[in-house]
N, C-alpha and C. Protein backbone atom coordinates (compact mmCIF):
# COMPACT_ATOMS: atom_id res chain seq x y z
N UNK A 1 0.79 -0.95 -0.06
CA UNK A 1 -0.14 0.22 0.24
C UNK A 1 1.00 1.44 0.21
N UNK A 2 1.60 1.33 0.83
CA UNK A 2 2.54 2.20 0.58
C UNK A 2 3.67 2.28 0.15
N UNK A 3 4.14 3.20 -0.13
CA UNK A 3 5.53 3.48 -1.11
C UNK A 3 6.29 3.28 0.27
N UNK A 4 7.64 1.87 0.29
CA UNK A 4 8.56 1.78 1.31
C UNK A 4 9.52 2.93 1.73
N UNK A 5 9.24 4.24 0.88
CA UNK A 5 10.04 5.24 1.56
C UNK A 5 12.03 4.98 1.47
N UNK A 6 12.55 5.59 2.08
CA UNK A 6 14.15 5.59 2.53
C UNK A 6 13.81 5.26 4.96
N UNK A 7 14.41 4.00 4.94
CA UNK A 7 14.08 3.97 6.29
C UNK A 7 15.04 5.06 6.91
N UNK A 8 14.24 5.49 8.25
CA UNK A 8 15.19 6.30 9.34
C UNK A 8 15.66 6.00 9.85
N UNK A 9 15.31 5.36 10.96
CA UNK A 9 15.04 4.68 12.06
C UNK A 9 14.11 3.70 12.25
N UNK A 10 14.85 2.87 13.70
CA UNK A 10 14.08 1.56 13.90
C UNK A 10 14.48 1.93 15.41
N UNK A 11 13.32 1.31 16.65
CA UNK A 11 13.59 2.04 17.32
C UNK A 11 12.34 1.14 18.29
N UNK A 12 13.32 0.30 19.56
CA UNK A 12 12.58 -0.92 20.49
C UNK A 12 12.75 -0.18 21.37
N UNK A 13 10.86 -0.57 21.42
CA UNK A 13 10.85 0.03 23.30
C UNK A 13 9.87 -1.07 23.80
N UNK A 14 11.29 -1.09 25.17
CA UNK A 14 10.79 -2.30 25.86
C UNK A 14 9.88 -2.19 26.96
N UNK A 15 9.28 -0.63 27.35
CA UNK A 15 8.44 -0.14 28.27
C UNK A 15 8.13 1.17 28.13
N UNK A 16 6.30 1.40 28.70
CA UNK A 16 6.41 2.78 28.34
C UNK A 16 7.44 3.67 29.15
N UNK A 17 8.35 3.42 29.77
CA UNK A 17 9.50 4.13 30.03
C UNK A 17 10.41 4.56 29.22
N UNK A 18 10.00 3.72 27.87
CA UNK A 18 11.13 4.18 26.54
C UNK A 18 10.83 5.00 25.82
N UNK A 19 9.35 5.10 26.08
CA UNK A 19 8.26 5.85 25.13
C UNK A 19 8.90 7.84 24.78
N UNK A 20 9.22 8.51 26.16
CA UNK A 20 9.54 9.82 26.11
C UNK A 20 10.99 10.09 24.48
N UNK A 21 11.84 8.71 25.03
CA UNK A 21 13.15 8.70 24.05
C UNK A 21 12.36 8.38 22.58
N UNK A 22 11.59 7.72 22.40
CA UNK A 22 11.39 7.34 21.09
C UNK A 22 10.64 8.43 20.92
N UNK A 23 10.12 9.45 21.07
CA UNK A 23 9.16 10.33 20.75
C UNK A 23 10.31 11.67 20.01
N UNK A 24 10.91 11.40 21.02
CA UNK A 24 12.32 12.28 20.45
C UNK A 24 12.69 12.39 19.73
N UNK A 25 13.24 11.14 19.30
CA UNK A 25 13.20 10.66 18.20
C UNK A 25 12.53 11.07 16.89
N UNK A 26 11.59 10.87 17.27
CA UNK A 26 10.47 11.01 15.89
C UNK A 26 10.67 12.10 15.71
N UNK A 27 10.41 13.79 16.63
CA UNK A 27 9.76 14.27 16.61
C UNK A 27 11.18 15.15 15.77
N UNK A 28 12.85 14.74 16.31
CA UNK A 28 13.99 15.08 15.23
C UNK A 28 13.42 14.54 14.33
N UNK A 29 13.23 13.56 13.81
CA UNK A 29 13.04 13.15 12.25
C UNK A 29 11.69 13.61 11.66
N UNK A 30 11.14 14.35 12.21
CA UNK A 30 9.73 15.18 11.73
C UNK A 30 9.94 16.60 11.60
N UNK A 31 11.08 17.07 11.59
CA UNK A 31 11.50 18.96 11.64
C UNK A 31 11.14 19.01 10.53
N UNK A 32 11.42 18.48 9.68
CA UNK A 32 11.32 18.87 8.35
C UNK A 32 10.07 18.48 7.14
N UNK A 33 9.31 17.80 7.89
CA UNK A 33 8.14 16.69 7.44
C UNK A 33 6.73 17.10 8.47
N UNK A 34 6.16 18.06 8.43
CA UNK A 34 4.89 18.38 9.04
C UNK A 34 4.02 16.74 9.45
N UNK A 35 3.92 16.10 7.90
CA UNK A 35 2.84 15.04 7.56
C UNK A 35 3.41 13.81 8.71
N UNK A 36 2.69 12.79 9.52
CA UNK A 36 3.23 11.99 10.11
C UNK A 36 1.93 11.03 10.09
N UNK A 37 1.95 10.03 9.55
CA UNK A 37 1.04 8.72 9.19
C UNK A 37 1.44 7.35 10.72
N UNK A 38 0.48 7.11 11.62
CA UNK A 38 0.78 6.36 12.30
C UNK A 38 -0.21 5.01 12.05
N UNK A 39 0.76 3.83 11.74
CA UNK A 39 -0.08 2.79 11.75
C UNK A 39 1.00 1.44 12.22
N UNK A 40 -0.69 1.04 12.58
CA UNK A 40 -0.23 -0.26 13.51
C UNK A 40 -1.46 -1.32 13.94
N UNK A 41 -1.64 -2.34 14.49
CA UNK A 41 -2.58 -2.47 15.23
C UNK A 41 -3.63 -2.39 16.25
N UNK A 42 -4.76 -2.26 16.16
CA UNK A 42 -5.54 -1.63 17.42
C UNK A 42 -4.37 -2.40 18.60
N UNK A 43 -4.41 -1.10 19.81
CA UNK A 43 -3.49 -1.48 20.84
C UNK A 43 -1.81 -1.09 20.62
N UNK A 44 -1.70 -1.00 19.40
CA UNK A 44 -0.75 -0.93 19.66
C UNK A 44 0.41 0.12 20.21
N UNK A 45 -0.12 1.47 20.50
CA UNK A 45 -0.15 3.08 20.97
C UNK A 45 0.15 3.62 20.05
N UNK A 46 -0.52 4.56 19.29
CA UNK A 46 -0.46 4.88 18.27
C UNK A 46 -0.70 6.47 18.77
N UNK A 47 -1.89 6.39 19.68
CA UNK A 47 -2.31 6.99 20.59
C UNK A 47 -1.35 7.81 22.06
N UNK A 48 -1.02 6.55 22.68
CA UNK A 48 -0.14 6.92 23.38
C UNK A 48 1.41 7.64 22.63
N UNK A 49 1.93 7.15 21.83
CA UNK A 49 2.67 7.88 20.95
C UNK A 49 2.38 9.50 21.18
N UNK A 50 0.99 9.18 20.52
CA UNK A 50 1.22 11.25 19.86
C UNK A 50 0.90 12.01 21.32
N UNK A 51 0.05 11.27 21.96
CA UNK A 51 0.21 12.13 23.64
C UNK A 51 1.10 12.71 23.81
N UNK A 52 2.44 11.76 23.67
CA UNK A 52 3.62 11.80 24.45
C UNK A 52 4.56 13.13 23.21
N UNK A 53 4.00 13.13 22.24
CA UNK A 53 4.39 14.06 21.27
C UNK A 53 4.19 14.91 20.90
N UNK A 54 2.67 15.22 21.64
CA UNK A 54 1.90 16.37 21.82
C UNK A 54 2.72 17.35 23.31
N UNK A 55 3.27 16.10 24.08
CA UNK A 55 3.63 16.91 25.19
C UNK A 55 4.63 17.60 24.81
N UNK A 56 5.75 16.42 24.20
CA UNK A 56 7.06 17.20 23.76
C UNK A 56 7.00 18.48 23.01
N UNK A 57 6.21 18.74 22.44
CA UNK A 57 5.86 19.99 21.46
C UNK A 57 5.10 20.97 22.47
N UNK A 58 4.66 20.80 23.71
CA UNK A 58 4.31 21.88 24.20
C UNK A 58 2.67 21.95 24.65
N UNK A 59 2.11 20.59 24.44
CA UNK A 59 0.63 20.41 24.39
C UNK A 59 0.40 20.53 25.80
N UNK A 60 -0.49 21.68 26.30
CA UNK A 60 -0.29 21.49 28.02
C UNK A 60 -2.24 20.85 27.75
N UNK A 61 -2.95 21.02 27.04
CA UNK A 61 -4.68 20.63 26.85
C UNK A 61 -4.69 18.71 26.79
N UNK A 62 -5.67 18.13 27.57
CA UNK A 62 -5.60 17.16 26.72
C UNK A 62 -5.54 15.99 25.48
N UNK A 63 -4.68 14.80 25.58
CA UNK A 63 -4.93 14.85 24.11
C UNK A 63 -5.65 13.42 24.13
N UNK A 64 -6.78 13.31 23.62
CA UNK A 64 -7.15 12.21 23.16
C UNK A 64 -7.50 11.86 21.74
N UNK A 65 -7.86 10.57 21.55
CA UNK A 65 -7.63 9.63 20.41
C UNK A 65 -9.12 10.63 19.42
N UNK A 66 -9.42 11.54 18.25
CA UNK A 66 -10.53 11.56 17.52
C UNK A 66 -11.68 11.58 17.20
N UNK A 67 -11.41 9.87 17.40
CA UNK A 67 -12.69 8.52 17.00
C UNK A 67 -13.72 9.13 16.39
N UNK A 68 -14.27 9.81 17.30
CA UNK A 68 -16.00 10.11 16.35
C UNK A 68 -15.71 11.43 16.32
N UNK A 69 -14.84 12.23 16.19
CA UNK A 69 -15.12 14.03 15.99
C UNK A 69 -14.13 13.72 14.44
N UNK A 70 -13.15 12.86 14.43
CA UNK A 70 -12.07 12.56 13.10
C UNK A 70 -10.87 13.42 13.42
N UNK A 71 -10.96 14.76 13.71
CA UNK A 71 -10.24 15.64 13.70
C UNK A 71 -10.07 16.22 15.45
N UNK A 72 -8.80 16.82 15.94
CA UNK A 72 -8.98 17.08 17.26
C UNK A 72 -7.91 18.09 16.75
N UNK A 73 -8.34 19.74 17.23
CA UNK A 73 -6.85 20.49 17.64
C UNK A 73 -6.20 20.93 18.70
N UNK A 74 -5.17 20.91 18.51
CA UNK A 74 -4.44 21.14 20.05
C UNK A 74 -3.62 22.63 19.57
N UNK A 75 -3.01 23.07 20.57
CA UNK A 75 -2.24 24.54 20.61
C UNK A 75 -0.96 24.10 21.29
N UNK A 76 0.02 24.60 21.29
CA UNK A 76 0.98 24.24 22.01
C UNK A 76 1.32 25.60 22.77
N UNK A 77 2.51 25.35 23.52
CA UNK A 77 2.31 26.79 24.58
C UNK A 77 3.12 27.63 23.65
N UNK A 78 3.75 27.74 22.71
CA UNK A 78 4.34 28.73 21.48
C UNK A 78 3.25 29.10 20.50
N UNK A 79 2.10 28.65 21.19
CA UNK A 79 0.71 28.84 19.83
C UNK A 79 0.92 28.28 18.64
N UNK A 80 1.61 26.62 18.74
CA UNK A 80 1.27 26.28 16.87
C UNK A 80 0.34 24.94 17.01
N UNK A 81 -0.36 25.47 15.68
CA UNK A 81 -1.70 24.38 16.17
C UNK A 81 -1.00 23.07 15.76
N UNK A 82 -1.35 22.08 16.11
CA UNK A 82 -1.53 20.20 15.81
C UNK A 82 -2.72 19.93 15.78
N UNK A 83 -2.55 18.99 14.86
CA UNK A 83 -3.96 17.96 14.43
C UNK A 83 -3.80 16.80 14.32
N UNK A 84 -4.86 16.24 15.23
CA UNK A 84 -4.73 14.77 15.17
C UNK A 84 -5.90 13.78 14.65
N UNK A 85 -5.60 13.40 14.02
CA UNK A 85 -7.32 12.25 13.21
C UNK A 85 -6.78 11.26 13.56
N UNK A 86 -8.27 10.66 13.35
CA UNK A 86 -8.35 9.22 13.51
C UNK A 86 -9.19 8.81 12.47
N UNK A 87 -8.81 7.72 11.51
CA UNK A 87 -9.61 7.53 10.63
C UNK A 87 -10.05 6.44 10.80
N UNK A 88 -10.66 5.43 11.62
CA UNK A 88 -10.96 4.78 12.21
C UNK A 88 -12.21 4.10 11.89
N UNK A 89 -13.30 4.78 12.12
CA UNK A 89 -14.34 4.83 12.15
C UNK A 89 -15.15 5.81 10.44
N UNK A 90 -14.64 5.44 9.67
CA UNK A 90 -14.98 6.13 8.71
C UNK A 90 -15.04 5.00 7.72
N UNK A 91 -16.09 5.07 6.85
CA UNK A 91 -16.57 3.90 6.19
C UNK A 91 -16.29 4.60 4.28
N UNK A 92 -15.85 5.85 3.93
CA UNK A 92 -15.22 6.15 2.76
C UNK A 92 -14.38 7.18 2.71
N UNK A 93 -13.49 8.12 1.91
CA UNK A 93 -13.13 8.70 2.12
C UNK A 93 -13.52 10.01 2.12
N UNK A 94 -14.68 10.19 1.45
CA UNK A 94 -15.21 11.35 1.45
C UNK A 94 -15.89 11.83 2.47
N UNK A 95 -16.07 11.32 3.37
CA UNK A 95 -16.09 11.41 4.79
C UNK A 95 -15.28 12.24 5.43
N UNK A 96 -13.67 12.35 4.57
CA UNK A 96 -12.54 12.83 5.36
C UNK A 96 -12.36 14.38 4.36
N UNK A 97 -12.88 13.91 3.16
CA UNK A 97 -13.16 15.55 2.50
C UNK A 97 -13.92 15.96 2.96
N UNK A 98 -14.94 15.85 3.71
CA UNK A 98 -16.25 16.32 4.18
C UNK A 98 -15.62 17.70 5.33
N UNK A 99 -14.54 17.17 6.31
CA UNK A 99 -14.31 17.70 7.17
C UNK A 99 -13.02 18.41 6.10
N UNK A 100 -12.59 18.63 5.64
CA UNK A 100 -11.54 19.73 4.97
C UNK A 100 -10.05 18.91 5.27
N UNK A 101 -9.85 17.73 4.80
CA UNK A 101 -8.79 16.90 5.08
C UNK A 101 -7.52 17.10 4.33
N UNK A 102 -8.27 17.13 2.89
CA UNK A 102 -6.88 18.20 2.37
C UNK A 102 -6.61 19.68 2.76
N UNK A 103 -7.17 20.19 2.87
CA UNK A 103 -6.84 21.63 3.58
C UNK A 103 -5.74 21.49 4.49
N UNK A 104 -5.94 20.67 5.62
CA UNK A 104 -5.28 20.15 6.84
C UNK A 104 -3.82 19.67 6.53
N UNK A 105 -4.16 19.04 5.78
CA UNK A 105 -2.89 17.93 5.17
C UNK A 105 -1.71 19.43 4.19
N UNK A 106 -2.64 19.88 3.64
CA UNK A 106 -1.55 21.16 3.06
C UNK A 106 -1.68 22.59 3.48
N UNK A 107 -1.58 22.78 4.88
CA UNK A 107 -1.56 23.75 5.62
C UNK A 107 -0.64 24.05 5.91
N UNK A 108 0.87 23.02 6.36
CA UNK A 108 1.83 23.11 6.75
C UNK A 108 2.15 23.19 8.37
N UNK A 109 1.03 22.73 8.99
CA UNK A 109 1.16 22.19 10.16
C UNK A 109 1.25 21.18 10.46
N UNK A 110 1.60 20.74 11.53
CA UNK A 110 1.66 19.25 11.85
C UNK A 110 0.25 18.62 11.92
N UNK A 111 0.32 17.61 11.40
CA UNK A 111 -0.82 17.03 10.88
C UNK A 111 -0.28 15.66 11.31
N UNK A 112 -1.24 14.76 12.46
CA UNK A 112 -0.81 12.80 12.84
C UNK A 112 -2.03 12.30 13.10
N UNK A 113 -1.86 11.75 12.02
CA UNK A 113 -2.82 10.61 11.49
C UNK A 113 -2.78 9.70 11.65
N UNK A 114 -4.09 8.91 12.51
CA UNK A 114 -4.25 7.93 12.81
C UNK A 114 -4.60 6.64 11.90
N UNK A 115 -4.53 5.56 11.77
CA UNK A 115 -5.26 4.86 10.63
C UNK A 115 -5.19 5.41 9.12
N UNK A 116 -4.28 6.12 8.63
CA UNK A 116 -3.90 6.59 6.71
C UNK A 116 -4.51 5.79 6.23
N UNK A 117 -4.32 4.24 6.29
CA UNK A 117 -4.85 3.14 5.30
C UNK A 117 -6.77 3.52 4.63
N UNK A 118 -7.11 4.09 5.41
CA UNK A 118 -8.32 4.35 5.30
C UNK A 118 -8.69 5.26 4.03
N UNK A 119 -7.94 6.36 3.64
CA UNK A 119 -7.90 7.30 2.87
C UNK A 119 -6.85 7.73 2.20
N UNK A 120 -6.12 6.08 1.37
CA UNK A 120 -5.31 6.12 0.62
C UNK A 120 -5.15 7.32 -0.46
N UNK A 121 -5.90 7.49 -1.03
CA UNK A 121 -6.11 8.76 -2.15
C UNK A 121 -5.95 9.90 -1.71
N UNK A 122 -6.20 10.07 -0.59
CA UNK A 122 -5.77 11.61 0.25
C UNK A 122 -4.75 12.03 0.73
N UNK A 123 -3.83 10.64 0.95
CA UNK A 123 -2.83 11.61 1.45
C UNK A 123 -1.83 12.12 0.49
N UNK A 124 -0.91 13.14 1.48
CA UNK A 124 0.06 13.99 0.89
C UNK A 124 1.11 13.28 0.30
N UNK A 125 2.01 13.84 -1.01
CA UNK A 125 2.90 12.56 -1.53
C UNK A 125 4.21 12.94 -0.98
N UNK A 126 3.89 13.60 0.50
CA UNK A 126 5.46 13.57 1.30
C UNK A 126 4.52 13.53 2.61
N UNK A 127 5.61 12.54 3.74
CA UNK A 127 5.27 12.23 4.86
C UNK A 127 6.02 11.14 5.48
N UNK A 128 5.85 11.61 6.79
CA UNK A 128 6.80 9.94 7.82
C UNK A 128 5.47 9.33 7.71
N UNK A 129 5.92 7.96 7.90
CA UNK A 129 5.18 6.63 8.09
C UNK A 129 5.82 6.11 9.30
N UNK A 130 4.93 6.45 10.26
CA UNK A 130 5.41 5.28 11.53
C UNK A 130 4.75 4.64 11.68
N UNK A 131 4.97 3.39 11.66
CA UNK A 131 4.45 1.88 11.98
C UNK A 131 5.10 1.13 13.77
N UNK A 132 4.01 1.27 14.07
CA UNK A 132 4.21 1.02 15.47
C UNK A 132 3.70 -0.82 15.16
N UNK A 133 4.35 -1.65 16.34
CA UNK A 133 4.45 -3.49 16.18
C UNK A 133 4.52 -3.70 17.28
N UNK A 134 3.39 -4.52 18.34
CA UNK A 134 3.56 -4.59 19.76
C UNK A 134 4.20 -6.25 19.53
N UNK A 135 4.83 -6.80 20.48
CA UNK A 135 5.62 -7.90 20.21
C UNK A 135 4.39 -8.79 20.98
N UNK A 136 4.44 -9.90 20.91
CA UNK A 136 2.85 -11.29 21.53
C UNK A 136 2.90 -11.04 22.14
N UNK A 137 3.53 -10.48 23.41
CA UNK A 137 3.23 -10.08 25.29
C UNK A 137 4.14 -8.73 25.52
N UNK A 138 3.17 -8.70 26.30
CA UNK A 138 4.09 -7.60 27.13
C UNK A 138 4.17 -6.14 26.61
N UNK A 139 4.56 -5.72 26.96
CA UNK A 139 4.33 -4.14 26.25
C UNK A 139 5.53 -3.40 26.13
N UNK A 140 6.98 -4.77 25.27
CA UNK A 140 7.41 -4.18 23.99
C UNK A 140 6.88 -3.98 22.85
N UNK A 141 7.62 -2.58 22.41
CA UNK A 141 6.77 -2.14 20.57
C UNK A 141 8.03 -1.66 20.32
N UNK A 142 8.25 -2.05 18.40
CA UNK A 142 9.13 -1.84 17.76
C UNK A 142 8.31 -0.61 16.80
N UNK A 143 9.12 0.67 16.52
CA UNK A 143 8.60 1.65 15.65
C UNK A 143 9.43 2.04 15.17
N UNK A 144 9.10 1.24 13.69
CA UNK A 144 10.12 2.16 12.43
C UNK A 144 9.36 3.89 11.66
N UNK A 145 10.26 4.44 11.22
CA UNK A 145 9.92 5.34 10.84
C UNK A 145 10.64 5.29 9.51
N UNK A 146 9.94 6.02 8.19
CA UNK A 146 9.64 5.85 7.08
C UNK A 146 9.98 7.19 6.39
N UNK A 147 10.41 7.74 5.84
CA UNK A 147 10.68 8.83 5.06
C UNK A 147 9.87 8.74 3.61
N UNK A 148 8.61 9.09 3.14
CA UNK A 148 8.28 8.83 1.90
C UNK A 148 7.79 10.31 0.95
């Protein structure tokens, strides 16, 4: 489905204690690319990682998955806007179009997109693809970052 792009990093997290360091690496990788796509099975930790990213970017408000609203907007303490999408519950890409997804993606602002595989025809040409894979048991996760 996705172009494989250039693999930038593979990060193994053995527990939630490793999350801040992993998010820091991801923030560094995303400095030149405002659109980040998060793929992984249900329960892989996509929203948890996004919460940590937002915390490190200076978001003070509660960060939660916009599963029913499709998009949440957060503001950093520096006044920067961040858009958080969750397309898990959409049935058709036109639902994403109806909320102005393309305008958000083209805004130059940080866009954090969960379940992007449900809107393949709407994705921008360039983005970071973040894949989260949980181990069979326990809290261990592998995060792979590709620049597309």
